Amino acid sequence: NGSTTVDDTNQKSKLHDCIMSKKWEKASQLCQDYKFTARHWLEHRSKRTGKVMYRKLPIHNACVLGAPKTLILNLITAYPEGLEEQDEGGKLPLHLILSHNVSLDIITRMLKF
C-alpha cells in the first residue's frame, strides 16, 4: 500500500509533530509540499511485550485532535488510501472524526473516496 512505519522511539515525521502540537497551517503546508509524509505511520510498541500500543497515520491524529477542514482535505488528497487504514484499535479515520464535531462536508468527502 506504500505506507511507511515511523517508530516514535526513533523519529517522528514533521507532519506528525505538527499535527500533535496542533500547528495546523504548518501541517497543511507540509502535507501539500511533501505528500508522501501523509503515508507515514506513527507506531509505539510495548518495550515489555512488543505489542503495538499505538499506530496511527497523520489523518487518524488529525481527526482525533479536531484539525481544520483544510488539513483533513489535504491529507485525503495526499493519501486517499489512508481513509481505508485502521489504527491500532481497528478504527478508520471516519470512525474517529464522527466522534468529534465536524462539518458534514468533511464526512461526505471521506465517504466519496
PDB file of N, CA and C in Angstrom:
ATOM      1  N   ASN A   1       0.804  -1.204   0.000  1.00  0.00           N
ATOM      2  CA  ASN A   1       0.000   0.000   0.000  1.00  0.00           C
ATOM      3  C   ASN A   1       0.844   1.264   0.000  1.00  0.00           C
ATOM      4  N   GLY A   2       2.151   1.136   0.103  1.00  0.00           N
ATOM      5  CA  GLY A   2       3.028   2.289   0.016  1.00  0.00           C
ATOM      6  C   GLY A   2       3.179   3.080   1.295  1.00  0.00           C
ATOM      7  N   SER A   3       2.642   2.589   2.406  1.00  0.00           N
ATOM      8  CA  SER A   3       2.776   3.326   3.658  1.00  0.00           C
ATOM      9  C   SER A   3       4.085   2.955   4.345  1.00  0.00           C
ATOM     10  N   THR A   4       4.506   3.805   5.262  1.00  0.00           N
ATOM     11  CA  THR A   4       5.765   3.634   5.967  1.00  0.00           C
ATOM     12  C   THR A   4       5.517   3.743   7.459  1.00  0.00           C
ATOM     13  N   THR A   5       6.161   2.898   8.248  1.00  0.00           N
ATOM     14  CA  THR A   5       6.033   2.981   9.697  1.00  0.00           C
ATOM     15  C   THR A   5       7.168   3.819  10.256  1.00  0.00           C
ATOM     16  N   VAL A   6       6.825   4.751  11.116  1.00  0.00           N
ATOM     17  CA  VAL A   6       7.800   5.583  11.802  1.00  0.00           C
ATOM     18  C   VAL A   6       7.680   5.260  13.282  1.00  0.00           C
ATOM     19  N   ASP A   7       8.678   4.620  13.829  1.00  0.00           N
ATOM     20  CA  ASP A   7       8.663   4.246  15.245  1.00  0.00           C
ATOM     21  C   ASP A   7       8.876   5.501  16.078  1.00  0.00           C
ATOM     22  N   ASP A   8       7.959   5.788  16.984  1.00  0.00           N
ATOM     23  CA  ASP A   8       8.062   7.039  17.742  1.00  0.00           C
ATOM     24  C   ASP A   8       9.211   7.045  18.740  1.00  0.00           C
ATOM     25  N   THR A   9       9.855   5.911  18.954  1.00  0.00           N
ATOM     26  CA  THR A   9      11.017   5.917  19.831  1.00  0.00           C
ATOM     27  C   THR A   9      12.258   6.368  19.067  1.00  0.00           C
ATOM     28  N   ASN A  10      12.188   6.390  17.749  1.00  0.00           N
ATOM     29  CA  ASN A  10      13.330   6.797  16.935  1.00  0.00           C
ATOM     30  C   ASN A  10      13.121   8.168  16.308  1.00  0.00           C
ATOM     31  N   GLN A  11      12.137   8.267  15.437  1.00  0.00           N
ATOM     32  CA  GLN A  11      11.953   9.509  14.695  1.00  0.00           C
ATOM     33  C   GLN A  11      10.499   9.654  14.278  1.00  0.00           C
ATOM     34  N   LYS A  12       9.926  10.803  14.549  1.00  0.00           N
ATOM     35  CA  LYS A  12       8.579  11.095  14.083  1.00  0.00           C
ATOM     36  C   LYS A  12       8.699  12.001  12.869  1.00  0.00           C
ATOM     37  N   SER A  13       7.776  11.869  11.962  1.00  0.00           N
ATOM     38  CA  SER A  13       7.787  12.775  10.825  1.00  0.00           C
ATOM     39  C   SER A  13       7.383  14.171  11.288  1.00  0.00           C
ATOM     40  N   LYS A  14       7.834  15.155  10.557  1.00  0.00           N
ATOM     41  CA  LYS A  14       7.477  16.534  10.895  1.00  0.00           C
ATOM     42  C   LYS A  14       5.974  16.743  10.811  1.00  0.00           C
ATOM     43  N   LEU A  15       5.337  16.055   9.876  1.00  0.00           N
ATOM     44  CA  LEU A  15       3.886  16.186   9.750  1.00  0.00           C
ATOM     45  C   LEU A  15       3.185  15.709  11.019  1.00  0.00           C
ATOM     46  N   HIS A  16       3.579  14.545  11.528  1.00  0.00           N
ATOM     47  CA  HIS A  16       3.004  14.061  12.791  1.00  0.00           C
ATOM     48  C   HIS A  16       3.255  15.065  13.914  1.00  0.00           C
ATOM     49  N   ASP A  17       4.472  15.585  13.982  1.00  0.00           N
ATOM     50  CA  ASP A  17       4.805  16.553  15.034  1.00  0.00           C
ATOM     51  C   ASP A  17       3.893  17.774  14.980  1.00  0.00           C
ATOM     52  N   CYS A  18       3.694  18.306  13.781  1.00  0.00           N
ATOM     53  CA  CYS A  18       2.848  19.496  13.629  1.00  0.00           C
ATOM     54  C   CYS A  18       1.402  19.201  14.009  1.00  0.00           C
ATOM     55  N   ILE A  19       0.915  18.038  13.613  1.00  0.00           N
ATOM     56  CA  ILE A  19      -0.468  17.677  13.951  1.00  0.00           C
ATOM     57  C   ILE A  19      -0.611  17.495  15.460  1.00  0.00           C
ATOM     58  N   MET A  20       0.326  16.791  16.064  1.00  0.00           N
ATOM     59  CA  MET A  20       0.244  16.536  17.505  1.00  0.00           C
ATOM     60  C   MET A  20       0.334  17.827  18.320  1.00  0.00           C
ATOM     61  N   SER A  21       1.041  18.825  17.797  1.00  0.00           N
ATOM     62  CA  SER A  21       1.147  20.103  18.508  1.00  0.00           C
ATOM     63  C   SER A  21       0.143  21.136  17.985  1.00  0.00           C
ATOM     64  N   LYS A  22      -0.773  20.676  17.139  1.00  0.00           N
ATOM     65  CA  LYS A  22      -1.855  21.497  16.588  1.00  0.00           C
ATOM     66  C   LYS A  22      -1.358  22.729  15.836  1.00  0.00           C
ATOM     67  N   LYS A  23      -0.259  22.554  15.131  1.00  0.00           N
ATOM     68  CA  LYS A  23       0.249  23.604  14.242  1.00  0.00           C
ATOM     69  C   LYS A  23      -0.358  23.341  12.864  1.00  0.00           C
ATOM     70  N   TRP A  24      -1.637  23.675  12.757  1.00  0.00           N
ATOM     71  CA  TRP A  24      -2.436  23.280  11.605  1.00  0.00           C
ATOM     72  C   TRP A  24      -1.919  23.830  10.283  1.00  0.00           C
ATOM     73  N   GLU A  25      -1.571  25.108  10.247  1.00  0.00           N
ATOM     74  CA  GLU A  25      -1.114  25.704   8.984  1.00  0.00           C
ATOM     75  C   GLU A  25       0.184  25.064   8.513  1.00  0.00           C
ATOM     76  N   LYS A  26       1.108  24.855   9.421  1.00  0.00           N
ATOM     77  CA  LYS A  26       2.381  24.214   9.077  1.00  0.00           C
ATOM     78  C   LYS A  26       2.137  22.779   8.606  1.00  0.00           C
ATOM     79  N   ALA A  27       1.264  22.066   9.291  1.00  0.00           N
ATOM     80  CA  ALA A  27       0.944  20.687   8.904  1.00  0.00           C
ATOM     81  C   ALA A  27       0.329  20.656   7.506  1.00  0.00           C
ATOM     82  N   SER A  28      -0.561  21.580   7.238  1.00  0.00           N
ATOM     83  CA  SER A  28      -1.205  21.637   5.930  1.00  0.00           C
ATOM     84  C   SER A  28      -0.180  21.914   4.831  1.00  0.00           C
ATOM     85  N   GLN A  29       0.748  22.813   5.105  1.00  0.00           N
ATOM     86  CA  GLN A  29       1.789  23.135   4.125  1.00  0.00           C
ATOM     87  C   GLN A  29       2.706  21.937   3.884  1.00  0.00           C
ATOM     88  N   LEU A  30       3.104  21.257   4.956  1.00  0.00           N
ATOM     89  CA  LEU A  30       3.941  20.061   4.808  1.00  0.00           C
ATOM     90  C   LEU A  30       3.232  18.994   3.988  1.00  0.00           C
ATOM     91  N   CYS A  31       1.956  18.836   4.241  1.00  0.00           N
ATOM     92  CA  CYS A  31       1.168  17.840   3.526  1.00  0.00           C
ATOM     93  C   CYS A  31       1.113  18.160   2.033  1.00  0.00           C
ATOM     94  N   GLN A  32       1.000  19.419   1.707  1.00  0.00           N
ATOM     95  CA  GLN A  32       0.966  19.827   0.301  1.00  0.00           C
ATOM     96  C   GLN A  32       2.342  19.689  -0.352  1.00  0.00           C
ATOM     97  N   ASP A  33       3.382  20.094   0.368  1.00  0.00           N
ATOM     98  CA  ASP A  33       4.734  20.089  -0.199  1.00  0.00           C
ATOM     99  C   ASP A  33       5.366  18.699  -0.237  1.00  0.00           C
ATOM    100  N   TYR A  34       5.043  17.879   0.745  1.00  0.00           N
ATOM    101  CA  TYR A  34       5.648  16.544   0.870  1.00  0.00           C
ATOM    102  C   TYR A  34       4.538  15.517   1.079  1.00  0.00           C
ATOM    103  N   LYS A  35       3.782  15.261   0.029  1.00  0.00           N
ATOM    104  CA  LYS A  35       2.606  14.389   0.132  1.00  0.00           C
ATOM    105  C   LYS A  35       2.925  13.020   0.716  1.00  0.00           C
ATOM    106  N   PHE A  36       4.123  12.523   0.468  1.00  0.00           N
ATOM    107  CA  PHE A  36       4.489  11.188   0.957  1.00  0.00           C
ATOM    108  C   PHE A  36       4.426  11.089   2.478  1.00  0.00           C
ATOM    109  N   THR A  37       4.549  12.218   3.185  1.00  0.00           N
ATOM    110  CA  THR A  37       4.523  12.158   4.651  1.00  0.00           C
ATOM    111  C   THR A  37       3.147  11.760   5.186  1.00  0.00           C
ATOM    112  N   ALA A  38       2.110  11.914   4.374  1.00  0.00           N
ATOM    113  CA  ALA A  38       0.765  11.508   4.795  1.00  0.00           C
ATOM    114  C   ALA A  38       0.652   9.989   4.895  1.00  0.00           C
ATOM    115  N   ARG A  39       1.640   9.262   4.353  1.00  0.00           N
ATOM    116  CA  ARG A  39       1.650   7.794   4.380  1.00  0.00           C
ATOM    117  C   ARG A  39       2.388   7.229   5.589  1.00  0.00           C
ATOM    118  N   HIS A  40       3.003   8.076   6.373  1.00  0.00           N
ATOM    119  CA  HIS A  40       3.844   7.612   7.479  1.00  0.00           C
ATOM    120  C   HIS A  40       3.020   7.263   8.713  1.00  0.00           C
ATOM    121  N   TRP A  41       3.153   6.025   9.147  1.00  0.00           N
ATOM    122  CA  TRP A  41       2.510   5.570  10.379  1.00  0.00           C
ATOM    123  C   TRP A  41       3.366   5.972  11.571  1.00  0.00           C
ATOM    124  N   LEU A  42       2.734   6.407  12.622  1.00  0.00           N
ATOM    125  CA  LEU A  42       3.411   6.622  13.896  1.00  0.00           C
ATOM    126  C   LEU A  42       3.041   5.432  14.768  1.00  0.00           C
ATOM    127  N   GLU A  43       4.053   4.710  15.221  1.00  0.00           N
ATOM    128  CA  GLU A  43       3.802   3.469  15.947  1.00  0.00           C
ATOM    129  C   GLU A  43       4.619   3.414  17.229  1.00  0.00           C
ATOM    130  N   HIS A  44       3.997   2.899  18.265  1.00  0.00           N
ATOM    131  CA  HIS A  44       4.691   2.678  19.533  1.00  0.00           C
ATOM    132  C   HIS A  44       4.380   1.260  19.991  1.00  0.00           C
ATOM    133  N   ARG A  45       5.428   0.527  20.335  1.00  0.00           N
ATOM    134  CA  ARG A  45       5.272  -0.840  20.838  1.00  0.00           C
ATOM    135  C   ARG A  45       5.679  -0.895  22.306  1.00  0.00           C
ATOM    136  N   SER A  46       5.039  -1.778  23.023  1.00  0.00           N
ATOM    137  CA  SER A  46       5.395  -2.007  24.414  1.00  0.00           C
ATOM    138  C   SER A  46       6.817  -2.556  24.475  1.00  0.00           C
ATOM    139  N   LYS A  47       7.640  -1.963  25.313  1.00  0.00           N
ATOM    140  CA  LYS A  47       9.012  -2.464  25.461  1.00  0.00           C
ATOM    141  C   LYS A  47       9.022  -3.857  26.080  1.00  0.00           C
ATOM    142  N   ARG A  48       8.035  -4.120  26.894  1.00  0.00           N
ATOM    143  CA  ARG A  48       7.981  -5.402  27.592  1.00  0.00           C
ATOM    144  C   ARG A  48       7.476  -6.524  26.693  1.00  0.00           C
ATOM    145  N   THR A  49       6.383  -6.256  25.971  1.00  0.00           N
ATOM    146  CA  THR A  49       5.749  -7.331  25.203  1.00  0.00           C
ATOM    147  C   THR A  49       5.963  -7.231  23.692  1.00  0.00           C
ATOM    148  N   GLY A  50       6.328  -6.043  23.217  1.00  0.00           N
ATOM    149  CA  GLY A  50       6.475  -5.845  21.778  1.00  0.00           C
ATOM    150  C   GLY A  50       5.152  -5.610  21.069  1.00  0.00           C
ATOM    151  N   LYS A  51       4.056  -5.621  21.826  1.00  0.00           N
ATOM    152  CA  LYS A  51       2.725  -5.412  21.257  1.00  0.00           C
ATOM    153  C   LYS A  51       2.565  -3.958  20.808  1.00  0.00           C
ATOM    154  N   VAL A  52       1.900  -3.772  19.668  1.00  0.00           N
ATOM    155  CA  VAL A  52       1.619  -2.424  19.177  1.00  0.00           C
ATOM    156  C   VAL A  52       0.595  -1.774  20.108  1.00  0.00           C
ATOM    157  N   MET A  53       0.995  -0.670  20.715  1.00  0.00           N
ATOM    158  CA  MET A  53       0.123   0.043  21.644  1.00  0.00           C
ATOM    159  C   MET A  53      -0.544   1.246  20.971  1.00  0.00           C
ATOM    160  N   TYR A  54       0.120   1.764  19.952  1.00  0.00           N
ATOM    161  CA  TYR A  54      -0.339   2.981  19.288  1.00  0.00           C
ATOM    162  C   TYR A  54       0.122   2.910  17.844  1.00  0.00           C
ATOM    163  N   ARG A  55      -0.811   3.109  16.905  1.00  0.00           N
ATOM    164  CA  ARG A  55      -0.455   3.083  15.488  1.00  0.00           C
ATOM    165  C   ARG A  55      -1.462   3.939  14.731  1.00  0.00           C
ATOM    166  N   LYS A  56      -0.975   5.076  14.225  1.00  0.00           N
ATOM    167  CA  LYS A  56      -1.867   5.988  13.521  1.00  0.00           C
ATOM    168  C   LYS A  56      -1.148   6.668  12.361  1.00  0.00           C
ATOM    169  N   LEU A  57      -1.917   6.937  11.318  1.00  0.00           N
ATOM    170  CA  LEU A  57      -1.465   7.792  10.228  1.00  0.00           C
ATOM    171  C   LEU A  57      -1.735   9.242  10.632  1.00  0.00           C
ATOM    172  N   PRO A  58      -1.150  10.192   9.920  1.00  0.00           N
ATOM    173  CA  PRO A  58      -1.462  11.593  10.225  1.00  0.00           C
ATOM    174  C   PRO A  58      -2.963  11.893  10.191  1.00  0.00           C
ATOM    175  N   ILE A  59      -3.692  11.271   9.274  1.00  0.00           N
ATOM    176  CA  ILE A  59      -5.132  11.555   9.199  1.00  0.00           C
ATOM    177  C   ILE A  59      -5.870  11.056  10.442  1.00  0.00           C
ATOM    178  N   HIS A  60      -5.417   9.956  11.042  1.00  0.00           N
ATOM    179  CA  HIS A  60      -6.043   9.483  12.284  1.00  0.00           C
ATOM    180  C   HIS A  60      -5.874  10.536  13.378  1.00  0.00           C
ATOM    181  N   ASN A  61      -4.639  11.010  13.546  1.00  0.00           N
ATOM    182  CA  ASN A  61      -4.382  12.006  14.589  1.00  0.00           C
ATOM    183  C   ASN A  61      -5.104  13.315  14.308  1.00  0.00           C
ATOM    184  N   ALA A  62      -5.140  13.722  13.052  1.00  0.00           N
ATOM    185  CA  ALA A  62      -5.833  14.966  12.699  1.00  0.00           C
ATOM    186  C   ALA A  62      -7.319  14.867  13.044  1.00  0.00           C
ATOM    187  N   CYS A  63      -7.918  13.717  12.790  1.00  0.00           N
ATOM    188  CA  CYS A  63      -9.339  13.523  13.102  1.00  0.00           C
ATOM    189  C   CYS A  63      -9.585  13.543  14.605  1.00  0.00           C
ATOM    190  N   VAL A  64      -8.731  12.889  15.356  1.00  0.00           N
ATOM    191  CA  VAL A  64      -8.876  12.829  16.814  1.00  0.00           C
ATOM    192  C   VAL A  64      -8.693  14.211  17.446  1.00  0.00           C
ATOM    193  N   LEU A  65      -7.755  14.981  16.912  1.00  0.00           N
ATOM    194  CA  LEU A  65      -7.421  16.270  17.515  1.00  0.00           C
ATOM    195  C   LEU A  65      -8.250  17.437  16.984  1.00  0.00           C
ATOM    196  N   GLY A  66      -9.197  17.158  16.114  1.00  0.00           N
ATOM    197  CA  GLY A  66     -10.083  18.214  15.630  1.00  0.00           C
ATOM    198  C   GLY A  66      -9.431  19.184  14.666  1.00  0.00           C
ATOM    199  N   ALA A  67      -8.601  18.666  13.777  1.00  0.00           N
ATOM    200  CA  ALA A  67      -7.925  19.514  12.792  1.00  0.00           C
ATOM    201  C   ALA A  67      -8.943  20.216  11.895  1.00  0.00           C
ATOM    202  N   PRO A  68      -8.563  21.367  11.362  1.00  0.00           N
ATOM    203  CA  PRO A  68      -9.478  22.085  10.474  1.00  0.00           C
ATOM    204  C   PRO A  68      -9.706  21.345   9.152  1.00  0.00           C
ATOM    205  N   LYS A  69     -10.795  21.706   8.534  1.00  0.00           N
ATOM    206  CA  LYS A  69     -11.226  21.095   7.276  1.00  0.00           C
ATOM    207  C   LYS A  69     -10.112  21.092   6.224  1.00  0.00           C
ATOM    208  N   THR A  70      -9.398  22.195   6.098  1.00  0.00           N
ATOM    209  CA  THR A  70      -8.344  22.301   5.084  1.00  0.00           C
ATOM    210  C   THR A  70      -7.297  21.213   5.251  1.00  0.00           C
ATOM    211  N   LEU A  71      -6.857  20.981   6.468  1.00  0.00           N
ATOM    212  CA  LEU A  71      -5.842  19.960   6.708  1.00  0.00           C
ATOM    213  C   LEU A  71      -6.388  18.567   6.412  1.00  0.00           C
ATOM    214  N   ILE A  72      -7.592  18.285   6.862  1.00  0.00           N
ATOM    215  CA  ILE A  72      -8.194  16.970   6.598  1.00  0.00           C
ATOM    216  C   ILE A  72      -8.266  16.730   5.089  1.00  0.00           C
ATOM    217  N   LEU A  73      -8.719  17.722   4.348  1.00  0.00           N
ATOM    218  CA  LEU A  73      -8.824  17.574   2.892  1.00  0.00           C
ATOM    219  C   LEU A  73      -7.451  17.411   2.244  1.00  0.00           C
ATOM    220  N   ASN A  74      -6.447  18.123   2.739  1.00  0.00           N
ATOM    221  CA  ASN A  74      -5.086  17.961   2.213  1.00  0.00           C
ATOM    222  C   ASN A  74      -4.559  16.551   2.476  1.00  0.00           C
ATOM    223  N   LEU A  75      -4.846  16.016   3.648  1.00  0.00           N
ATOM    224  CA  LEU A  75      -4.413  14.654   3.974  1.00  0.00           C
ATOM    225  C   LEU A  75      -5.108  13.627   3.082  1.00  0.00           C
ATOM    226  N   ILE A  76      -6.388  13.841   2.827  1.00  0.00           N
ATOM    227  CA  ILE A  76      -7.134  12.937   1.942  1.00  0.00           C
ATOM    228  C   ILE A  76      -6.563  12.999   0.526  1.00  0.00           C
ATOM    229  N   THR A  77      -6.284  14.195   0.054  1.00  0.00           N
ATOM    230  CA  THR A  77      -5.727  14.363  -1.288  1.00  0.00           C
ATOM    231  C   THR A  77      -4.349  13.719  -1.398  1.00  0.00           C
ATOM    232  N   ALA A  78      -3.529  13.896  -0.371  1.00  0.00           N
ATOM    233  CA  ALA A  78      -2.168  13.358  -0.389  1.00  0.00           C
ATOM    234  C   ALA A  78      -2.135  11.837  -0.321  1.00  0.00           C
ATOM    235  N   TYR A  79      -3.054  11.252   0.432  1.00  0.00           N
ATOM    236  CA  TYR A  79      -3.049   9.793   0.612  1.00  0.00           C
ATOM    237  C   TYR A  79      -4.479   9.299   0.823  1.00  0.00           C
ATOM    238  N   PRO A  80      -5.264   9.238  -0.264  1.00  0.00           N
ATOM    239  CA  PRO A  80      -6.663   8.818  -0.126  1.00  0.00           C
ATOM    240  C   PRO A  80      -6.820   7.413   0.454  1.00  0.00           C
ATOM    241  N   GLU A  81      -5.827   6.566   0.226  1.00  0.00           N
ATOM    242  CA  GLU A  81      -5.880   5.206   0.764  1.00  0.00           C
ATOM    243  C   GLU A  81      -5.886   5.199   2.293  1.00  0.00           C
ATOM    244  N   GLY A  82      -5.414   6.285   2.895  1.00  0.00           N
ATOM    245  CA  GLY A  82      -5.403   6.392   4.346  1.00  0.00           C
ATOM    246  C   GLY A  82      -6.789   6.312   4.956  1.00  0.00           C
ATOM    247  N   LEU A  83      -7.802   6.656   4.173  1.00  0.00           N
ATOM    248  CA  LEU A  83      -9.179   6.568   4.668  1.00  0.00           C
ATOM    249  C   LEU A  83      -9.605   5.128   4.920  1.00  0.00           C
ATOM    250  N   GLU A  84      -8.901   4.181   4.306  1.00  0.00           N
ATOM    251  CA  GLU A  84      -9.233   2.760   4.458  1.00  0.00           C
ATOM    252  C   GLU A  84      -8.332   2.055   5.462  1.00  0.00           C
ATOM    253  N   GLU A  85      -7.423   2.795   6.069  1.00  0.00           N
ATOM    254  CA  GLU A  85      -6.464   2.214   7.009  1.00  0.00           C
ATOM    255  C   GLU A  85      -6.988   2.312   8.439  1.00  0.00           C
ATOM    256  N   GLN A  86      -6.869   1.214   9.174  1.00  0.00           N
ATOM    257  CA  GLN A  86      -7.318   1.170  10.565  1.00  0.00           C
ATOM    258  C   GLN A  86      -6.165   1.489  11.513  1.00  0.00           C
ATOM    259  N   ASP A  87      -6.491   2.163  12.608  1.00  0.00           N
ATOM    260  CA  ASP A  87      -5.482   2.403  13.640  1.00  0.00           C
ATOM    261  C   ASP A  87      -5.332   1.149  14.497  1.00  0.00           C
ATOM    262  N   GLU A  88      -4.582   1.254  15.581  1.00  0.00           N
ATOM    263  CA  GLU A  88      -4.330   0.085  16.436  1.00  0.00           C
ATOM    264  C   GLU A  88      -5.600  -0.472  17.064  1.00  0.00           C
ATOM    265  N   GLY A  89      -6.634   0.331  17.135  1.00  0.00           N
ATOM    266  CA  GLY A  89      -7.900  -0.118  17.714  1.00  0.00           C
ATOM    267  C   GLY A  89      -8.913  -0.568  16.675  1.00  0.00           C
ATOM    268  N   GLY A  90      -8.486  -0.632  15.414  1.00  0.00           N
ATOM    269  CA  GLY A  90      -9.373  -1.063  14.343  1.00  0.00           C
ATOM    270  C   GLY A  90     -10.281   0.030  13.806  1.00  0.00           C
ATOM    271  N   LYS A  91      -9.980   1.286  14.145  1.00  0.00           N
ATOM    272  CA  LYS A  91     -10.840   2.392  13.712  1.00  0.00           C
ATOM    273  C   LYS A  91     -10.293   3.066  12.460  1.00  0.00           C
ATOM    274  N   LEU A  92     -11.212   3.362  11.562  1.00  0.00           N
ATOM    275  CA  LEU A  92     -10.902   4.135  10.369  1.00  0.00           C
ATOM    276  C   LEU A  92     -10.948   5.623  10.726  1.00  0.00           C
ATOM    277  N   PRO A  93     -10.336   6.479   9.913  1.00  0.00           N
ATOM    278  CA  PRO A  93     -10.453   7.920  10.167  1.00  0.00           C
ATOM    279  C   PRO A  93     -11.908   8.379  10.274  1.00  0.00           C
ATOM    280  N   LEU A  94     -12.783   7.797   9.484  1.00  0.00           N
ATOM    281  CA  LEU A  94     -14.202   8.166   9.549  1.00  0.00           C
ATOM    282  C   LEU A  94     -14.778   7.897  10.939  1.00  0.00           C
ATOM    283  N   HIS A  95     -14.428   6.766  11.534  1.00  0.00           N
ATOM    284  CA  HIS A  95     -14.900   6.457  12.893  1.00  0.00           C
ATOM    285  C   HIS A  95     -14.419   7.521  13.872  1.00  0.00           C
ATOM    286  N   LEU A  96     -13.171   7.925  13.721  1.00  0.00           N
ATOM    287  CA  LEU A  96     -12.583   8.888  14.652  1.00  0.00           C
ATOM    288  C   LEU A  96     -13.198  10.270  14.500  1.00  0.00           C
ATOM    289  N   ILE A  97     -13.442  10.664  13.261  1.00  0.00           N
ATOM    290  CA  ILE A  97     -13.961  12.014  13.031  1.00  0.00           C
ATOM    291  C   ILE A  97     -15.428  12.130  13.439  1.00  0.00           C
ATOM    292  N   LEU A  98     -16.159  11.025  13.382  1.00  0.00           N
ATOM    293  CA  LEU A  98     -17.568  11.059  13.785  1.00  0.00           C
ATOM    294  C   LEU A  98     -17.738  11.322  15.279  1.00  0.00           C
ATOM    295  N   SER A  99     -16.709  11.041  16.054  1.00  0.00           N
ATOM    296  CA  SER A  99     -16.803  11.271  17.494  1.00  0.00           C
ATOM    297  C   SER A  99     -16.465  12.714  17.869  1.00  0.00           C
ATOM    298  N   HIS A 100     -16.198  13.544  16.868  1.00  0.00           N
ATOM    299  CA  HIS A 100     -15.894  14.957  17.100  1.00  0.00           C
ATOM    300  C   HIS A 100     -16.865  15.813  16.294  1.00  0.00           C
ATOM    301  N   ASN A 101     -16.991  17.041  16.675  1.00  0.00           N
ATOM    302  CA  ASN A 101     -17.885  17.945  15.944  1.00  0.00           C
ATOM    303  C   ASN A 101     -17.198  18.402  14.668  1.00  0.00           C
ATOM    304  N   VAL A 102     -17.601  17.821  13.567  1.00  0.00           N
ATOM    305  CA  VAL A 102     -17.022  18.186  12.274  1.00  0.00           C
ATOM    306  C   VAL A 102     -18.142  18.524  11.302  1.00  0.00           C
ATOM    307  N   SER A 103     -17.753  19.199  10.250  1.00  0.00           N
ATOM    308  CA  SER A 103     -18.762  19.582   9.263  1.00  0.00           C
ATOM    309  C   SER A 103     -19.197  18.363   8.459  1.00  0.00           C
ATOM    310  N   LEU A 104     -20.420  18.397   8.041  1.00  0.00           N
ATOM    311  CA  LEU A 104     -20.969  17.332   7.213  1.00  0.00           C
ATOM    312  C   LEU A 104     -20.190  17.222   5.908  1.00  0.00           C
ATOM    313  N   ASP A 105     -19.649  18.334   5.441  1.00  0.00           N
ATOM    314  CA  ASP A 105     -18.865  18.359   4.209  1.00  0.00           C
ATOM    315  C   ASP A 105     -17.661  17.418   4.297  1.00  0.00           C
ATOM    316  N   ILE A 106     -16.968  17.426   5.425  1.00  0.00           N
ATOM    317  CA  ILE A 106     -15.797  16.552   5.602  1.00  0.00           C
ATOM    318  C   ILE A 106     -16.235  15.092   5.577  1.00  0.00           C
ATOM    319  N   ILE A 107     -17.291  14.777   6.284  1.00  0.00           N
ATOM    320  CA  ILE A 107     -17.780  13.397   6.326  1.00  0.00           C
ATOM    321  C   ILE A 107     -18.183  12.947   4.924  1.00  0.00           C
ATOM    322  N   THR A 108     -18.854  13.811   4.198  1.00  0.00           N
ATOM    323  CA  THR A 108     -19.262  13.490   2.827  1.00  0.00           C
ATOM    324  C   THR A 108     -18.044  13.234   1.946  1.00  0.00           C
ATOM    325  N   ARG A 109     -17.005  14.062   2.077  1.00  0.00           N
ATOM    326  CA  ARG A 109     -15.781  13.876   1.284  1.00  0.00           C
ATOM    327  C   ARG A 109     -15.108  12.551   1.620  1.00  0.00           C
ATOM    328  N   MET A 110     -15.101  12.194   2.889  1.00  0.00           N
ATOM    329  CA  MET A 110     -14.488  10.929   3.292  1.00  0.00           C
ATOM    330  C   MET A 110     -15.240   9.746   2.692  1.00  0.00           C
ATOM    331  N   LEU A 111     -16.539   9.844   2.662  1.00  0.00           N
ATOM    332  CA  LEU A 111     -17.348   8.744   2.145  1.00  0.00           C
ATOM    333  C   LEU A 111     -17.238   8.603   0.630  1.00  0.00           C
ATOM    334  N   LYS A 112     -16.886   9.675  -0.061  1.00  0.00           N
ATOM    335  CA  LYS A 112     -16.766   9.631  -1.521  1.00  0.00           C
ATOM    336  C   LYS A 112     -15.515   8.900  -1.980  1.00  0.00           C
ATOM    337  N   PHE A 113     -14.500   8.815  -1.134  1.00  0.00           N
ATOM    338  CA  PHE A 113     -13.245   8.169  -1.539  1.00  0.00           C
ATOM    339  C   PHE A 113     -13.317   6.679  -1.420  1.00  0.00           C
TER     340      PHE A 113
END
